[in-house]
Amino acid sequence: MRQTGTYHHGDLRAALLKAAEQELNANGVERFSLRGVARAAGVSHAAPAHHFGDATGLLTALAVVGWRRFLATQQRHEARAGPDPLDQLVAATVGYAAFAKSNTALFQLIFASSKPDRCHPDFQAAGDTAFNHLVELVKAVTGEDAVEDCDARTDVLAIWSLIHGFSHLLNNDYLAPISQSKAAREDAIRTLVTRYWTGLR
């Protein structure tokens, strides 16, 4: 068994978060355990508690990692899209679903699980940053401020509901056969978002 002292302080925290994600993917949030994390990281059983306090603390820190990766995935897709605001919004929604598909357990943790401390300042800040990014993308398309304008708030809610619902259906195998095809998934998202703006809206 590798001992805690083998790591530098910063490296140990990163190693524990990596091991926590492995534990989450393998066993799900309900069977998540600090002992499992310690085994995966190759450290003493006391190490996760020493750094994060308890399972809630560790899952909260992992959720913050998840929020940041979620946003970064959207931004990578946006960077490959054209500069038109609607193209940017579509790219972000494609990134949203891509994160959900590739990080199923983490997606569940940040959006649906009661295990993280959702009142923790880091969790709230990371979640708010991700949500505000969507708000700004919608504002760029409409030219309207969702804080001030009722229609803009409706647009944010509609796009969020559309892509989150799509991602949930995708992860629960309700969208076969497109769930197995990246190109088909992306085409479906583009069609849905574009149809909202050009028709339903």
Protein backbone atom coordinates (compact mmCIF):
# COMPACT_ATOMS: atom_id res chain seq x y z
CA MET A 1 0.00 0.00 0.00
CA ARG A 2 1.38 3.38 -1.00
CA GLN A 3 1.54 5.69 1.98
CA THR A 4 0.20 9.20 2.14
CA GLY A 5 3.63 10.67 2.62
CA THR A 6 4.62 9.52 -0.85
CA TYR A 7 2.68 12.45 -2.27
CA HIS A 8 3.26 16.15 -2.08
CA HIS A 9 0.24 17.87 -0.55
CA GLY A 10 -1.17 19.25 -3.82
CA ASP A 11 -0.60 15.99 -5.66
CA LEU A 12 -2.48 14.01 -3.03
CA ARG A 13 -5.58 16.15 -3.31
CA ALA A 14 -5.57 15.76 -7.10
CA ALA A 15 -4.98 12.02 -6.77
CA LEU A 16 -7.90 11.69 -4.36
CA LEU A 17 -10.23 13.59 -6.69
CA LYS A 18 -9.19 11.37 -9.59
CA ALA A 19 -9.77 8.28 -7.46
CA ALA A 20 -13.12 9.68 -6.31
CA GLU A 21 -14.26 9.96 -9.91
CA GLN A 22 -13.18 6.36 -10.53
CA GLU A 23 -15.12 5.25 -7.45
CA LEU A 24 -18.17 7.23 -8.58
CA ASN A 25 -18.07 5.72 -12.07
CA ALA A 26 -17.61 2.21 -10.73
CA ASN A 27 -20.11 2.19 -7.87
CA GLY A 28 -22.43 5.17 -8.30
CA VAL A 29 -23.14 7.84 -5.75
CA GLU A 30 -25.21 5.61 -3.44
CA ARG A 31 -22.36 3.12 -2.91
CA PHE A 32 -19.60 5.73 -2.96
CA SER A 33 -17.17 5.26 -0.06
CA LEU A 34 -14.05 6.95 1.25
CA ARG A 35 -12.42 3.55 1.69
CA GLY A 36 -12.97 2.82 -1.98
CA VAL A 37 -11.38 6.14 -2.87
CA ALA A 38 -8.41 5.42 -0.62
CA ARG A 39 -7.91 2.02 -2.26
CA ALA A 40 -8.09 3.50 -5.74
CA ALA A 41 -5.58 6.22 -4.83
CA GLY A 42 -3.27 3.79 -3.02
CA VAL A 43 -3.26 5.73 0.23
CA SER A 44 -4.26 5.14 3.84
CA HIS A 45 -7.95 5.00 4.69
CA ALA A 46 -7.58 8.20 6.69
CA ALA A 47 -6.26 10.28 3.79
CA PRO A 48 -9.60 11.22 2.11
CA ALA A 49 -11.14 12.24 5.44
CA HIS A 50 -8.04 14.24 6.31
CA HIS A 51 -8.32 16.30 3.12
CA PHE A 52 -12.10 16.50 2.63
CA GLY A 53 -13.66 15.75 6.02
CA ASP A 54 -16.19 13.15 4.91
CA ALA A 55 -17.87 11.71 1.83
CA THR A 56 -20.01 14.84 1.46
CA GLY A 57 -16.93 17.03 1.41
CA LEU A 58 -15.21 14.87 -1.19
CA LEU A 59 -18.30 14.62 -3.40
CA THR A 60 -18.77 18.38 -3.15
CA ALA A 61 -15.20 18.97 -4.31
CA LEU A 62 -15.68 16.44 -7.11
CA ALA A 63 -18.90 18.18 -8.15
CA VAL A 64 -16.98 21.45 -8.44
CA VAL A 65 -14.53 19.67 -10.75
CA GLY A 66 -17.55 18.40 -12.67
CA TRP A 67 -19.06 21.87 -13.08
CA ARG A 68 -15.78 23.25 -14.40
CA ARG A 69 -15.32 20.37 -16.84
CA PHE A 70 -18.93 20.77 -17.94
CA LEU A 71 -18.33 24.41 -18.82
CA ALA A 72 -14.96 23.70 -20.43
CA THR A 73 -16.54 21.06 -22.67
CA GLN A 74 -19.09 23.59 -23.92
CA GLN A 75 -16.39 26.19 -24.52
CA ARG A 76 -14.28 23.73 -26.54
CA HIS A 77 -17.25 23.15 -28.84
CA GLU A 78 -17.88 26.87 -29.09
CA ALA A 79 -14.25 27.46 -30.08
CA ARG A 80 -14.75 25.21 -33.11
CA ALA A 81 -17.99 26.89 -34.18
CA GLY A 82 -18.57 29.99 -36.25
CA PRO A 83 -18.82 33.43 -34.64
CA ASP A 84 -22.55 33.85 -35.21
CA PRO A 85 -24.29 33.97 -31.80
CA LEU A 86 -26.77 31.23 -32.73
CA ASP A 87 -23.91 29.01 -33.93
CA GLN A 88 -22.21 29.59 -30.59
CA LEU A 89 -25.37 28.68 -28.67
CA VAL A 90 -25.88 25.53 -30.72
CA ALA A 91 -22.24 24.55 -30.12
CA ALA A 92 -22.67 25.05 -26.38
CA THR A 93 -25.72 22.79 -26.33
CA VAL A 94 -23.84 20.16 -28.30
CA GLY A 95 -21.08 20.42 -25.69
CA TYR A 96 -23.67 20.12 -22.92
CA ALA A 97 -24.92 16.79 -24.28
CA ALA A 98 -21.38 15.61 -25.04
CA PHE A 99 -20.39 16.14 -21.41
CA ALA A 100 -23.51 14.32 -20.22
CA LYS A 101 -22.80 11.35 -22.50
CA SER A 102 -19.11 11.09 -21.60
CA ASN A 103 -19.48 11.82 -17.87
CA THR A 104 -22.74 10.12 -16.94
CA ALA A 105 -22.06 9.71 -13.22
CA LEU A 106 -20.56 13.17 -12.86
CA PHE A 107 -23.51 14.70 -14.73
CA GLN A 108 -25.86 12.97 -12.30
CA LEU A 109 -23.79 14.17 -9.34
CA ILE A 110 -23.83 17.85 -10.25
CA PHE A 111 -27.45 18.06 -11.35
CA ALA A 112 -29.48 15.43 -9.52
CA SER A 113 -27.73 14.05 -6.46
CA SER A 114 -28.38 15.24 -2.92
CA LYS A 115 -24.98 13.97 -1.76
CA PRO A 116 -22.88 17.10 -2.48
CA ASP A 117 -23.30 20.15 -0.27
CA ARG A 118 -25.17 22.38 -2.70
CA CYS A 119 -24.90 25.31 -0.30
CA HIS A 120 -21.10 25.19 -0.31
CA PRO A 121 -19.73 28.44 -1.79
CA ASP A 122 -17.48 26.62 -4.27
CA PHE A 123 -20.35 24.47 -5.53
CA GLN A 124 -22.64 27.48 -5.89
CA ALA A 125 -19.98 29.59 -7.59
CA ALA A 126 -19.11 26.88 -10.11
CA GLY A 127 -22.77 26.18 -10.86
CA ASP A 128 -23.59 29.87 -11.19
CA THR A 129 -20.68 30.36 -13.60
CA ALA A 130 -21.95 27.56 -15.82
CA PHE A 131 -25.52 28.87 -15.75
CA ASN A 132 -24.48 32.47 -16.38
CA HIS A 133 -22.56 31.31 -19.43
CA LEU A 134 -25.81 29.99 -20.89
CA VAL A 135 -27.54 33.26 -20.01
CA GLU A 136 -24.87 35.25 -21.86
CA LEU A 137 -25.11 33.01 -24.93
CA VAL A 138 -28.87 33.51 -25.09
CA LYS A 139 -28.42 37.26 -24.57
CA ALA A 140 -26.00 37.36 -27.51
CA VAL A 141 -28.64 35.77 -29.74
CA THR A 142 -31.59 37.89 -28.58
CA GLY A 143 -29.92 41.12 -27.59
CA GLU A 144 -32.09 41.00 -24.48
CA ASP A 145 -31.07 40.76 -20.83
CA ALA A 146 -32.59 37.76 -19.02
CA VAL A 147 -32.43 39.67 -15.75
CA GLU A 148 -34.62 42.46 -17.09
CA ASP A 149 -36.66 40.87 -19.87
CA CYS A 150 -39.35 38.22 -19.33
CA ASP A 151 -39.04 36.82 -22.88
CA ALA A 152 -35.29 36.42 -22.45
CA ARG A 153 -35.79 34.53 -19.20
CA THR A 154 -38.22 32.26 -21.04
CA ASP A 155 -35.62 31.67 -23.76
CA VAL A 156 -33.00 30.66 -21.20
CA LEU A 157 -35.43 28.29 -19.51
CA ALA A 158 -36.55 26.83 -22.85
CA ILE A 159 -33.01 26.16 -24.12
CA TRP A 160 -31.88 24.77 -20.77
CA SER A 161 -34.93 22.51 -20.53
CA LEU A 162 -34.51 21.37 -24.12
CA ILE A 163 -30.86 20.38 -23.89
CA HIS A 164 -31.05 19.03 -20.35
CA GLY A 165 -34.06 16.90 -21.22
CA PHE A 166 -32.30 15.68 -24.36
CA SER A 167 -29.21 14.77 -22.31
CA HIS A 168 -31.29 12.94 -19.71
CA LEU A 169 -33.10 10.93 -22.39
CA LEU A 170 -29.77 10.22 -24.06
CA ASN A 171 -28.20 8.88 -20.89
CA ASN A 172 -31.20 6.69 -20.12
CA ASP A 173 -31.24 5.04 -23.57
CA TYR A 174 -34.49 6.59 -24.75
CA LEU A 175 -32.98 8.00 -27.94
CA ALA A 176 -31.82 4.89 -29.77
CA PRO A 177 -30.48 4.67 -32.41
CA ILE A 178 -29.07 8.22 -32.36
CA SER A 179 -27.58 7.66 -28.90
CA GLN A 180 -24.84 5.53 -30.45
CA SER A 181 -23.92 8.01 -33.17
CA LYS A 182 -22.09 11.21 -32.29
CA ALA A 183 -22.96 12.77 -35.65
CA ALA A 184 -26.65 11.87 -35.29
CA ARG A 185 -26.75 13.29 -31.75
CA GLU A 186 -25.17 16.55 -32.84
CA ASP A 187 -27.47 16.87 -35.87
CA ALA A 188 -30.52 16.29 -33.65
CA ILE A 189 -29.42 18.99 -31.20
CA ARG A 190 -28.73 21.49 -33.97
CA THR A 191 -32.15 20.82 -35.45
CA LEU A 192 -33.92 21.19 -32.10
CA VAL A 193 -32.21 24.41 -31.07
CA THR A 194 -32.44 25.98 -34.51
CA ARG A 195 -36.12 25.01 -34.83
CA TYR A 196 -36.84 26.65 -31.48
CA TRP A 197 -35.33 29.96 -32.61
CA THR A 198 -36.70 29.97 -36.15
CA GLY A 199 -40.11 28.47 -35.49
CA LEU A 200 -41.40 27.72 -32.02
CA ARG A 201 -40.05 30.90 -30.48
